[in-house]
Amino acid sequence: MTSLRARAVTGGILWTVAIIVLGLAGVSSYLSSQTQARFIEVLETRHAQAIVAVSNNSDSASDLVAAIGDLAYQVPFSGQYWQVETDTGTIIRSPSLDKDQLPRPRIRIQERQMREIAGPNGESVFTIGQWVTVSDGATWHVQVASSLRSFEEDQVVLRNTLLTAFAFVSFIGVLGALTQVAVVLQPLNKLRHEVTGRWEKDDRLEVQSYPIEVAPLVNDINTLMERNRDIMRRSRRQAADLAHAIKTPSAIMRNELDNLMTQGADVQDAVDALDRLDAQLKRSFARMRADGTDASTGVVTELDTALGRMERAFNALARNESKTFSASFTAGLRVRMDQSDFEEVLGNLLDNALKWAASEVRLHAEECAAGQIMITIADDGPGIAQEEIAKATESGQRLDTSKPGTGLGLAIAHDLIHAYGGDIQLAKDDALGGLKVQMRLPVASAKRAD
């Protein structure tokens, strides 16, 4: 199932990253070009200063060195260099070159030349050179150079600064995308929570409290909930009417069979068949009721009440049969199941346990993991063989005919429990040695403060 939140967050993050990457590339390219232009501009200024110094001091090499007096040219291998070559081949160079010299020009042209070369100690330098005419009419070559090391270091610092800045912008962008998604999806989250609450209260959603984009959906949900409620009400009412209509002729037939039996007629087979028919009808009506109840809605059974009532009833029944019955359960438990259906299931299972128990029946209820409540019923009777357990919950499967019954008690319990999203398991009880029935039912939510 695709999540709107995941899609929105992913889309927002991808869009933010794309914009930031493109912005980073654009800004980095622009600043790099600006830095390079500034580097060349500074070098051109130095070259112009050197030309002026050569034009004014071409008569004396010492005067020329003093005229180009920038301190950067005085420190050996400082990264800033100049070199002048006269028309006779004499080379005058800055003290920063020490004993090295810059490569001589390859061709003799008047235009200014810019190139990247290997300078002192093999480091890369960028040079600007030009042939100029001095006061006596001679042509000298004036060349200045600047190490690219500082330029590259500036580029690294610039890139690191940009990466840091854009990383911060990315964080803010992603945080903004998450915030935007949360704000946009807030009405849908509210709708999801309110649907359950309104359904449990048999109430409608308030359309005016939602944005206009969501309002049509809220109206449709209101209509759907009302239709579902109506369908379930009619389903349960029809099941009750049908049960009432069938019970009357069944009671008449049973009365007639009783009369025939008192007159000596052998009608036991007919009585057994009628018992099975009544049990099957009872099972079918129970399933119809369960199918007419949405297990996700507000049907709730308070176990303090239901189990307390069962404890009192079966204590009395057990005493009448000289058996013991004990019940233990955590206070405050609530299951998501209709109370009449819950009591029917529990009554069938306890009746079955008491019927087969030799002397003792135990009932225990507690909340277990995964939001479920475990209800365990155990007895010290003969139990059910492992290979017969699967048949016990099938319709009409009587595993032992020595005691009266229809074989439908466990089948009815199985159908109703599964209809409410629960589970039932049969096994041998290690403590008592008889049958152990374990029911798992979903926990009902806490009571709302209305």
Protein backbone atom coordinates (compact mmCIF):
# COMPACT_ATOMS: atom_id res chain seq x y z
CA MET A 1 0.00 0.00 0.00
CA THR A 2 1.42 3.36 -1.04
CA SER A 3 1.57 6.00 1.68
CA LEU A 4 0.59 9.56 0.78
CA ARG A 5 2.93 10.79 3.47
CA ALA A 6 5.84 8.76 2.08
CA ARG A 7 5.13 9.93 -1.46
CA ALA A 8 4.82 13.58 -0.43
CA VAL A 9 7.94 13.48 1.75
CA THR A 10 9.95 11.65 -0.92
CA GLY A 11 8.79 14.06 -3.63
CA GLY A 12 9.51 17.08 -1.47
CA ILE A 13 12.96 15.85 -0.52
CA LEU A 14 13.86 14.93 -4.12
CA TRP A 15 12.66 18.32 -5.36
CA THR A 16 14.57 20.12 -2.61
CA VAL A 17 17.75 18.14 -3.29
CA ALA A 18 17.46 18.77 -7.05
CA ILE A 19 17.05 22.51 -6.53
CA ILE A 20 19.91 22.63 -4.03
CA VAL A 21 22.26 20.60 -6.27
CA LEU A 22 21.49 22.79 -9.27
CA GLY A 23 21.82 25.91 -7.12
CA LEU A 24 25.11 24.68 -5.68
CA ALA A 25 26.47 23.95 -9.15
CA GLY A 26 25.33 27.33 -10.46
CA VAL A 27 26.59 29.37 -7.53
CA SER A 28 29.85 27.42 -7.37
CA SER A 29 30.45 27.98 -11.09
CA TYR A 30 29.65 31.68 -10.83
CA LEU A 31 31.84 32.29 -7.78
CA SER A 32 34.68 30.26 -9.29
CA SER A 33 34.57 32.37 -12.44
CA GLN A 34 34.45 35.53 -10.35
CA THR A 35 37.40 34.38 -8.25
CA GLN A 36 39.38 33.54 -11.38
CA ALA A 37 38.51 36.91 -12.92
CA ARG A 38 39.62 38.65 -9.73
CA PHE A 39 42.88 36.66 -9.72
CA ILE A 40 43.63 37.69 -13.32
CA GLU A 41 42.61 41.29 -12.62
CA VAL A 42 45.08 41.53 -9.74
CA LEU A 43 47.82 39.99 -11.87
CA GLU A 44 47.06 42.42 -14.73
CA THR A 45 47.43 45.31 -12.26
CA ARG A 46 50.82 43.98 -11.15
CA HIS A 47 51.84 43.60 -14.78
CA ALA A 48 50.82 47.20 -15.53
CA GLN A 49 52.82 48.40 -12.53
CA ALA A 50 55.85 46.46 -13.76
CA ILE A 51 55.58 48.02 -17.24
CA VAL A 52 55.46 51.52 -15.74
CA ALA A 53 58.51 50.74 -13.58
CA VAL A 54 60.43 49.41 -16.62
CA SER A 55 59.49 52.46 -18.71
CA ASN A 56 60.80 54.82 -15.99
CA ASN A 57 63.86 52.89 -14.87
CA SER A 58 65.25 51.13 -17.92
CA ASP A 59 68.68 52.73 -17.40
CA SER A 60 69.47 51.01 -14.10
CA ALA A 61 68.69 47.45 -13.01
CA SER A 62 68.99 48.37 -9.32
CA ASP A 63 66.57 51.23 -9.78
CA LEU A 64 64.20 48.86 -11.55
CA VAL A 65 64.26 46.36 -8.68
CA ALA A 66 63.62 49.17 -6.21
CA ALA A 67 60.82 50.59 -8.36
CA ILE A 68 58.92 47.31 -8.31
CA GLY A 69 59.04 47.31 -4.55
CA ASP A 70 56.12 45.17 -3.53
CA LEU A 71 57.13 43.22 -0.41
CA ALA A 72 55.75 40.00 -1.91
CA TYR A 73 58.52 40.19 -4.51
CA GLN A 74 61.21 40.40 -1.81
CA VAL A 75 60.49 37.03 -0.12
CA PRO A 76 62.02 34.02 -1.87
CA PHE A 77 59.43 31.72 -3.46
CA SER A 78 56.57 33.86 -2.12
CA GLY A 79 54.40 32.97 -5.11
CA GLN A 80 54.61 36.46 -6.63
CA TYR A 81 57.31 36.95 -9.29
CA TRP A 82 58.44 39.31 -12.04
CA GLN A 83 61.09 39.03 -14.70
CA VAL A 84 62.37 41.47 -17.34
CA GLU A 85 64.45 40.44 -20.37
CA THR A 86 66.25 43.13 -22.38
CA ASP A 87 66.72 43.05 -26.11
CA THR A 88 70.31 41.94 -25.52
CA GLY A 89 69.18 38.88 -23.50
CA THR A 90 69.99 40.25 -20.08
CA ILE A 91 67.51 38.99 -17.46
CA ILE A 92 66.50 41.09 -14.45
CA ARG A 93 64.30 39.24 -11.96
CA SER A 94 62.58 39.70 -8.61
CA PRO A 95 64.35 38.55 -5.43
CA SER A 96 61.45 36.11 -4.89
CA LEU A 97 62.74 34.01 -7.80
CA ASP A 98 66.06 33.55 -6.00
CA LYS A 99 68.26 31.72 -8.55
CA ASP A 100 65.34 30.45 -10.65
CA GLN A 101 63.86 32.20 -13.59
CA LEU A 102 60.62 32.16 -15.50
CA PRO A 103 60.49 30.53 -18.95
CA ARG A 104 61.46 32.93 -21.71
CA PRO A 105 58.84 33.88 -24.31
CA ARG A 106 58.56 31.50 -27.27
CA ILE A 107 57.61 34.13 -29.86
CA ARG A 108 58.20 37.88 -30.18
CA ILE A 109 54.81 39.62 -30.54
CA GLN A 110 53.47 42.90 -29.21
CA GLU A 111 50.22 41.46 -27.84
CA ARG A 112 50.00 40.52 -24.19
CA GLN A 113 50.28 36.76 -23.54
CA MET A 114 48.70 34.81 -20.69
CA ARG A 115 49.61 31.23 -19.94
CA GLU A 116 49.98 28.64 -17.18
CA ILE A 117 53.51 27.33 -16.81
CA ALA A 118 55.76 25.46 -14.39
CA GLY A 119 57.45 28.00 -12.15
CA PRO A 120 59.99 27.88 -9.35
CA ASN A 121 60.25 24.53 -7.57
CA GLY A 122 57.92 23.09 -10.20
CA GLU A 123 54.81 24.81 -8.87
CA SER A 124 52.15 25.95 -11.33
CA VAL A 125 52.09 29.67 -11.97
CA PHE A 126 49.98 31.88 -14.16
CA THR A 127 51.96 34.48 -16.15
CA ILE A 128 51.24 37.62 -18.10
CA GLY A 129 53.99 38.73 -20.48
CA GLN A 130 54.39 41.48 -23.09
CA TRP A 131 57.10 43.10 -25.22
CA VAL A 132 57.29 46.84 -24.54
CA THR A 133 59.44 49.67 -25.98
CA VAL A 134 61.55 51.54 -23.45
CA SER A 135 62.88 55.15 -23.59
CA ASP A 136 65.91 54.39 -25.77
CA GLY A 137 63.78 52.60 -28.35
CA ALA A 138 64.82 49.09 -27.28
CA THR A 139 62.23 46.34 -26.86
CA TRP A 140 62.09 44.53 -23.50
CA HIS A 141 59.94 41.64 -22.38
CA VAL A 142 58.10 42.30 -19.09
CA GLN A 143 56.60 39.25 -17.34
CA VAL A 144 54.81 38.84 -13.99
CA ALA A 145 53.67 35.57 -12.47
CA SER A 146 51.50 34.46 -9.57
CA SER A 147 51.37 31.01 -8.03
CA LEU A 148 48.14 29.09 -8.59
CA ARG A 149 48.51 27.50 -5.16
CA SER A 150 46.77 30.37 -3.40
CA PHE A 151 44.09 30.45 -6.07
CA GLU A 152 43.40 26.72 -5.67
CA GLU A 153 43.38 27.06 -1.88
CA ASP A 154 40.84 29.86 -2.21
CA GLN A 155 38.75 27.62 -4.45
CA VAL A 156 38.82 24.82 -1.86
CA VAL A 157 37.80 27.21 0.91
CA LEU A 158 35.02 28.54 -1.30
CA ARG A 159 33.74 25.05 -2.11
CA ASN A 160 33.81 24.01 1.55
CA THR A 161 31.97 27.17 2.54
CA LEU A 162 29.37 26.58 -0.15
CA LEU A 163 28.93 22.94 0.84
CA THR A 164 28.45 23.90 4.48
CA ALA A 165 25.97 26.61 3.57
CA PHE A 166 24.02 24.39 1.20
CA ALA A 167 24.04 21.50 3.69
CA PHE A 168 22.40 23.83 6.18
CA VAL A 169 19.97 25.00 3.50
CA SER A 170 19.26 21.34 2.63
CA PHE A 171 18.48 20.57 6.26
CA ILE A 172 16.16 23.56 6.45
CA GLY A 173 14.59 22.54 3.12
CA VAL A 174 13.97 18.94 4.20
CA LEU A 175 12.65 20.11 7.56
CA GLY A 176 10.38 22.52 5.72
CA ALA A 177 9.20 19.74 3.40
CA LEU A 178 8.38 17.48 6.36
CA THR A 179 6.57 20.33 8.10
CA GLN A 180 4.62 21.13 4.95
CA VAL A 181 3.63 17.49 4.49
CA ALA A 182 2.53 17.26 8.12
CA VAL A 183 0.43 20.41 7.77
CA VAL A 184 -1.09 19.30 4.44
CA LEU A 185 -1.92 15.79 5.70
CA GLN A 186 -3.22 16.97 9.08
CA PRO A 187 -6.85 17.07 7.86
CA LEU A 188 -6.53 13.49 6.55
CA ASN A 189 -5.04 12.30 9.86
CA LYS A 190 -7.86 14.04 11.68
CA LEU A 191 -10.38 12.41 9.34
CA ARG A 192 -8.90 8.95 9.94
CA HIS A 193 -9.16 9.30 13.73
CA GLU A 194 -12.59 10.93 13.68
CA VAL A 195 -14.13 8.26 11.44
CA THR A 196 -13.59 5.64 14.15
CA GLY A 197 -14.76 7.93 16.93
CA ARG A 198 -17.89 9.11 15.10
CA TRP A 199 -18.73 5.57 14.06
CA GLU A 200 -18.56 4.37 17.64
CA LYS A 201 -20.77 7.27 18.75
CA ASP A 202 -23.22 6.73 15.86
CA ASP A 203 -22.51 10.33 14.85
CA ARG A 204 -21.65 12.27 11.68
CA LEU A 205 -18.42 14.02 10.76
CA GLU A 206 -18.49 17.82 10.87
CA VAL A 207 -17.91 18.84 7.25
CA GLN A 208 -17.29 22.50 8.06
CA SER A 209 -14.23 21.65 10.17
CA TYR A 210 -12.34 20.35 7.11
CA PRO A 211 -10.71 22.21 4.19
CA ILE A 212 -12.89 22.66 1.10
CA GLU A 213 -10.66 20.21 -0.81
CA VAL A 214 -11.49 17.44 1.68
CA ALA A 215 -15.14 18.37 2.29
CA PRO A 216 -16.56 16.25 -0.62
CA LEU A 217 -14.74 13.20 0.75
CA VAL A 218 -16.12 13.87 4.25
CA ASN A 219 -19.65 14.10 2.83
CA ASP A 220 -19.17 10.76 1.04
CA ILE A 221 -17.87 9.13 4.23
CA ASN A 222 -20.88 10.43 6.18
CA THR A 223 -23.21 8.93 3.57
CA LEU A 224 -21.32 5.63 3.57
CA MET A 225 -21.35 5.37 7.37
CA GLU A 226 -25.08 6.04 7.53
CA ARG A 227 -25.78 3.42 4.87
CA ASN A 228 -23.61 0.86 6.68
CA ARG A 229 -25.35 1.56 9.97
CA ASP A 230 -28.71 1.13 8.31
CA ILE A 231 -27.62 -2.13 6.66
CA MET A 232 -26.38 -3.54 9.97
CA ARG A 233 -29.51 -2.46 11.83
CA ARG A 234 -31.76 -4.09 9.23
CA SER A 235 -29.59 -7.22 9.15
CA ARG A 236 -29.78 -7.71 12.91
CA ARG A 237 -33.48 -6.91 12.96
CA GLN A 238 -34.18 -9.41 10.18
CA ALA A 239 -32.14 -12.08 11.97
CA ALA A 240 -34.11 -11.47 15.17
CA ASP A 241 -37.44 -11.56 13.31
CA LEU A 242 -36.48 -14.78 11.52
CA ALA A 243 -35.37 -16.40 14.77
CA HIS A 244 -38.66 -15.47 16.42
CA ALA A 245 -40.64 -16.78 13.45
CA ILE A 246 -38.87 -20.16 13.50
CA LYS A 247 -38.87 -20.64 17.26
CA THR A 248 -42.67 -20.84 17.40
CA PRO A 249 -43.16 -23.83 15.03
CA SER A 250 -40.09 -25.48 16.56
CA ALA A 251 -41.64 -25.18 20.03
CA ILE A 252 -44.94 -26.61 18.68
CA MET A 253 -43.14 -29.60 17.15
CA ARG A 254 -41.21 -30.20 20.35
CA ASN A 255 -44.43 -30.08 22.35
CA GLU A 256 -46.08 -32.59 19.99
CA LEU A 257 -43.09 -34.91 20.26
CA ASP A 258 -43.24 -34.69 24.04
CA ASN A 259 -46.93 -35.66 23.91
CA LEU A 260 -46.19 -38.61 21.67
CA MET A 261 -43.36 -39.68 23.95
CA THR A 262 -45.69 -39.64 27.00
CA GLN A 263 -48.05 -41.88 25.02
CA GLY A 264 -45.27 -44.44 24.56
CA ALA A 265 -44.31 -43.62 20.99
CA ASP A 266 -40.63 -44.03 20.04
CA VAL A 267 -39.80 -40.53 18.84
CA GLN A 268 -36.26 -40.23 20.22
CA ASP A 269 -34.75 -39.99 16.74
CA ALA A 270 -37.14 -37.17 15.90
CA VAL A 271 -36.27 -35.36 19.16
CA ASP A 272 -32.54 -35.68 18.40
CA ALA A 273 -33.11 -34.38 14.88
CA LEU A 274 -35.07 -31.42 16.24
CA ASP A 275 -32.30 -30.71 18.74
CA ARG A 276 -29.77 -30.65 15.90
CA LEU A 277 -32.06 -28.41 13.86
CA ASP A 278 -32.45 -25.98 16.75
CA ALA A 279 -28.68 -25.96 17.30
CA GLN A 280 -28.00 -25.37 13.61
CA LEU A 281 -30.50 -22.52 13.55
CA LYS A 282 -28.96 -21.08 16.67
CA ARG A 283 -25.54 -21.21 15.05
CA SER A 284 -26.81 -19.62 11.83
CA PHE A 285 -28.56 -16.81 13.72
CA ALA A 286 -25.41 -16.20 15.75
CA ARG A 287 -23.38 -15.90 12.57
CA MET A 288 -25.97 -13.56 11.06
CA ARG A 289 -25.78 -11.34 14.14
CA ALA A 290 -22.01 -11.33 14.03
CA ASP A 291 -21.95 -10.57 10.31
CA GLY A 292 -24.28 -7.65 11.01
CA THR A 293 -21.81 -6.17 13.46
CA ASP A 294 -18.67 -4.33 12.38
CA ALA A 295 -15.92 -5.69 14.62
CA SER A 296 -14.02 -2.42 14.27
CA THR A 297 -16.80 -0.32 15.78
CA GLY A 298 -17.77 0.46 19.33
CA VAL A 299 -19.23 -2.91 20.42
CA VAL A 300 -17.70 -3.46 23.85
CA THR A 301 -18.08 -5.98 26.62
CA GLU A 302 -16.93 -5.12 30.12
CA LEU A 303 -15.36 -8.34 31.41
CA ASP A 304 -15.81 -7.29 35.04
CA THR A 305 -19.56 -7.50 34.46
CA ALA A 306 -19.75 -10.44 32.04
CA LEU A 307 -17.23 -12.69 33.79
CA GLY A 308 -18.64 -11.78 37.20
CA ARG A 309 -22.09 -12.90 36.07
CA MET A 310 -20.68 -16.15 34.63
CA GLU A 311 -18.70 -16.80 37.80
CA ARG A 312 -21.80 -16.57 39.98
CA ALA A 313 -23.91 -18.73 37.66
CA PHE A 314 -21.38 -21.52 37.16
CA ASN A 315 -20.38 -21.58 40.82
CA ALA A 316 -23.94 -22.54 41.56
CA LEU A 317 -24.12 -25.09 38.72
CA ALA A 318 -20.82 -26.66 39.79
CA ARG A 319 -22.00 -27.02 43.39
CA ASN A 320 -25.15 -28.78 42.18
CA GLU A 321 -22.93 -31.35 40.47
CA SER A 322 -20.45 -31.58 43.38
CA LYS A 323 -17.73 -29.97 41.30
CA THR A 324 -15.59 -26.87 41.81
CA PHE A 325 -15.42 -23.81 39.62
CA SER A 326 -12.86 -21.01 39.97
CA ALA A 327 -12.43 -17.77 38.03
CA SER A 328 -9.59 -15.23 38.02
CA PHE A 329 -9.29 -12.19 35.80
CA THR A 330 -7.64 -8.79 35.72
CA ALA A 331 -9.98 -5.94 36.62
CA GLY A 332 -10.92 -3.42 33.96
CA LEU A 333 -10.56 -5.64 30.89
CA ARG A 334 -12.72 -4.78 27.87
CA VAL A 335 -13.10 -6.78 24.66
CA ARG A 336 -14.39 -5.61 21.28
CA MET A 337 -17.36 -7.97 21.07
CA ASP A 338 -21.09 -7.67 21.57
CA GLN A 339 -21.97 -8.65 25.15
CA SER A 340 -24.78 -11.05 24.20
CA ASP A 341 -22.52 -12.82 21.71
CA PHE A 342 -19.66 -12.93 24.23
CA GLU A 343 -21.86 -14.41 26.93
CA GLU A 344 -23.29 -16.95 24.50
CA VAL A 345 -19.79 -18.10 23.52
CA LEU A 346 -18.52 -18.22 27.09
CA GLY A 347 -21.68 -19.93 28.28
CA ASN A 348 -21.33 -22.65 25.65
CA LEU A 349 -17.67 -23.23 26.48
CA LEU A 350 -18.21 -23.28 30.27
CA ASP A 351 -21.25 -25.52 29.94
CA ASN A 352 -19.21 -27.91 27.82
CA ALA A 353 -16.30 -27.85 30.31
CA LEU A 354 -18.59 -28.45 33.29
CA LYS A 355 -20.36 -31.29 31.50
CA TRP A 356 -17.12 -33.20 30.83
CA ALA A 357 -15.11 -32.22 33.94
CA ALA A 358 -14.47 -34.87 36.55
CA SER A 359 -14.32 -32.42 39.44
CA GLU A 360 -12.88 -29.02 38.48
CA VAL A 361 -13.20 -26.19 35.94
CA ARG A 362 -10.99 -23.11 35.82
CA LEU A 363 -11.51 -19.77 34.05
CA HIS A 364 -8.75 -17.17 33.63
CA ALA A 365 -8.58 -13.90 31.65
CA GLU A 366 -5.65 -11.53 31.12
CA GLU A 367 -4.33 -9.09 28.57
CA CYS A 368 -1.57 -10.49 26.39
CA ALA A 369 0.63 -9.02 23.71
CA ALA A 370 -0.50 -7.48 20.38
CA GLY A 371 -3.57 -5.78 21.84
CA GLN A 372 -5.48 -8.97 22.65
CA ILE A 373 -7.12 -10.50 25.68
CA MET A 374 -6.58 -14.18 26.39
CA ILE A 375 -9.44 -16.11 28.04
CA THR A 376 -8.59 -19.66 29.10
CA ILE A 377 -11.07 -22.37 30.18
CA ALA A 378 -9.62 -25.65 31.46
CA ASP A 379 -11.14 -28.79 32.99
CA ASP A 380 -9.94 -32.13 34.36
CA GLY A 381 -12.08 -34.24 32.04
CA PRO A 382 -10.97 -36.77 29.43
CA GLY A 383 -10.05 -34.02 26.93
CA ILE A 384 -9.90 -34.45 23.18
CA ALA A 385 -7.34 -36.49 21.29
CA GLN A 386 -4.93 -34.42 19.24
CA GLU A 387 -6.12 -35.89 15.96
CA GLU A 388 -9.75 -35.08 16.83
CA ILE A 389 -9.23 -31.42 17.74
CA ALA A 390 -9.79 -30.14 14.17
CA LYS A 391 -13.17 -31.91 14.03
CA ALA A 392 -14.34 -30.38 17.31
CA THR A 393 -15.10 -26.99 15.75
CA GLU A 394 -16.85 -28.42 12.69
CA SER A 395 -20.62 -28.27 12.48
CA GLY A 396 -22.39 -31.15 14.19
CA GLN A 397 -19.27 -33.22 14.92
CA ARG A 398 -20.03 -35.12 18.15
CA LEU A 399 -16.84 -36.84 19.21
CA ASP A 400 -18.55 -38.65 22.11
CA THR A 401 -22.24 -39.57 22.25
CA SER A 402 -22.18 -40.73 25.86
CA LYS A 403 -23.45 -37.35 27.02
CA PRO A 404 -26.35 -35.32 25.62
CA GLY A 405 -25.66 -32.51 23.16
CA THR A 406 -25.62 -31.50 19.53
CA GLY A 407 -21.89 -31.12 18.96
CA LEU A 408 -22.35 -27.48 17.99
CA GLY A 409 -21.16 -25.63 21.11
CA LEU A 410 -17.55 -25.32 19.98
CA ALA A 411 -18.59 -24.68 16.38
CA ILE A 412 -20.80 -21.74 17.41
CA ALA A 413 -18.02 -20.36 19.62
CA HIS A 414 -15.54 -20.71 16.75
CA ASP A 415 -17.78 -18.82 14.29
CA LEU A 416 -18.60 -15.95 16.63
CA ILE A 417 -15.04 -15.44 17.84
CA HIS A 418 -13.65 -15.33 14.30
CA ALA A 419 -16.43 -12.95 13.24
CA TYR A 420 -15.07 -10.44 15.78
CA GLY A 421 -11.46 -10.82 14.65
CA GLY A 422 -10.50 -13.25 17.40
CA ASP A 423 -9.10 -16.77 17.52
CA ILE A 424 -9.83 -19.99 19.43
CA GLN A 425 -7.46 -22.88 20.07
CA LEU A 426 -7.93 -26.26 21.72
CA ALA A 427 -5.20 -28.19 23.52
CA LYS A 428 -4.51 -30.42 26.52
CA ASP A 429 -4.17 -28.57 29.82
CA ASP A 430 -0.91 -29.48 31.55
CA ALA A 431 -2.20 -28.67 35.04
CA LEU A 432 -5.60 -30.39 35.05
CA GLY A 433 -5.04 -32.90 32.26
CA GLY A 434 -8.31 -32.20 30.45
CA LEU A 435 -9.26 -29.88 27.60
CA LYS A 436 -7.93 -26.33 27.51
CA VAL A 437 -9.78 -23.77 25.37
CA GLN A 438 -7.97 -20.49 24.71
CA MET A 439 -9.80 -17.53 23.18
CA ARG A 440 -8.04 -14.42 21.92
CA LEU A 441 -10.22 -11.37 21.44
CA PRO A 442 -9.23 -7.81 20.46
CA VAL A 443 -8.94 -5.28 23.25
CA ALA A 444 -11.55 -2.51 23.16
CA SER A 445 -10.29 1.06 23.38
CA ALA A 446 -10.60 2.97 26.63
CA LYS A 447 -13.80 4.81 27.36
CA ARG A 448 -14.08 8.25 25.84
CA ALA A 449 -14.67 11.18 28.14
CA ASP A 450 -17.85 12.66 26.62
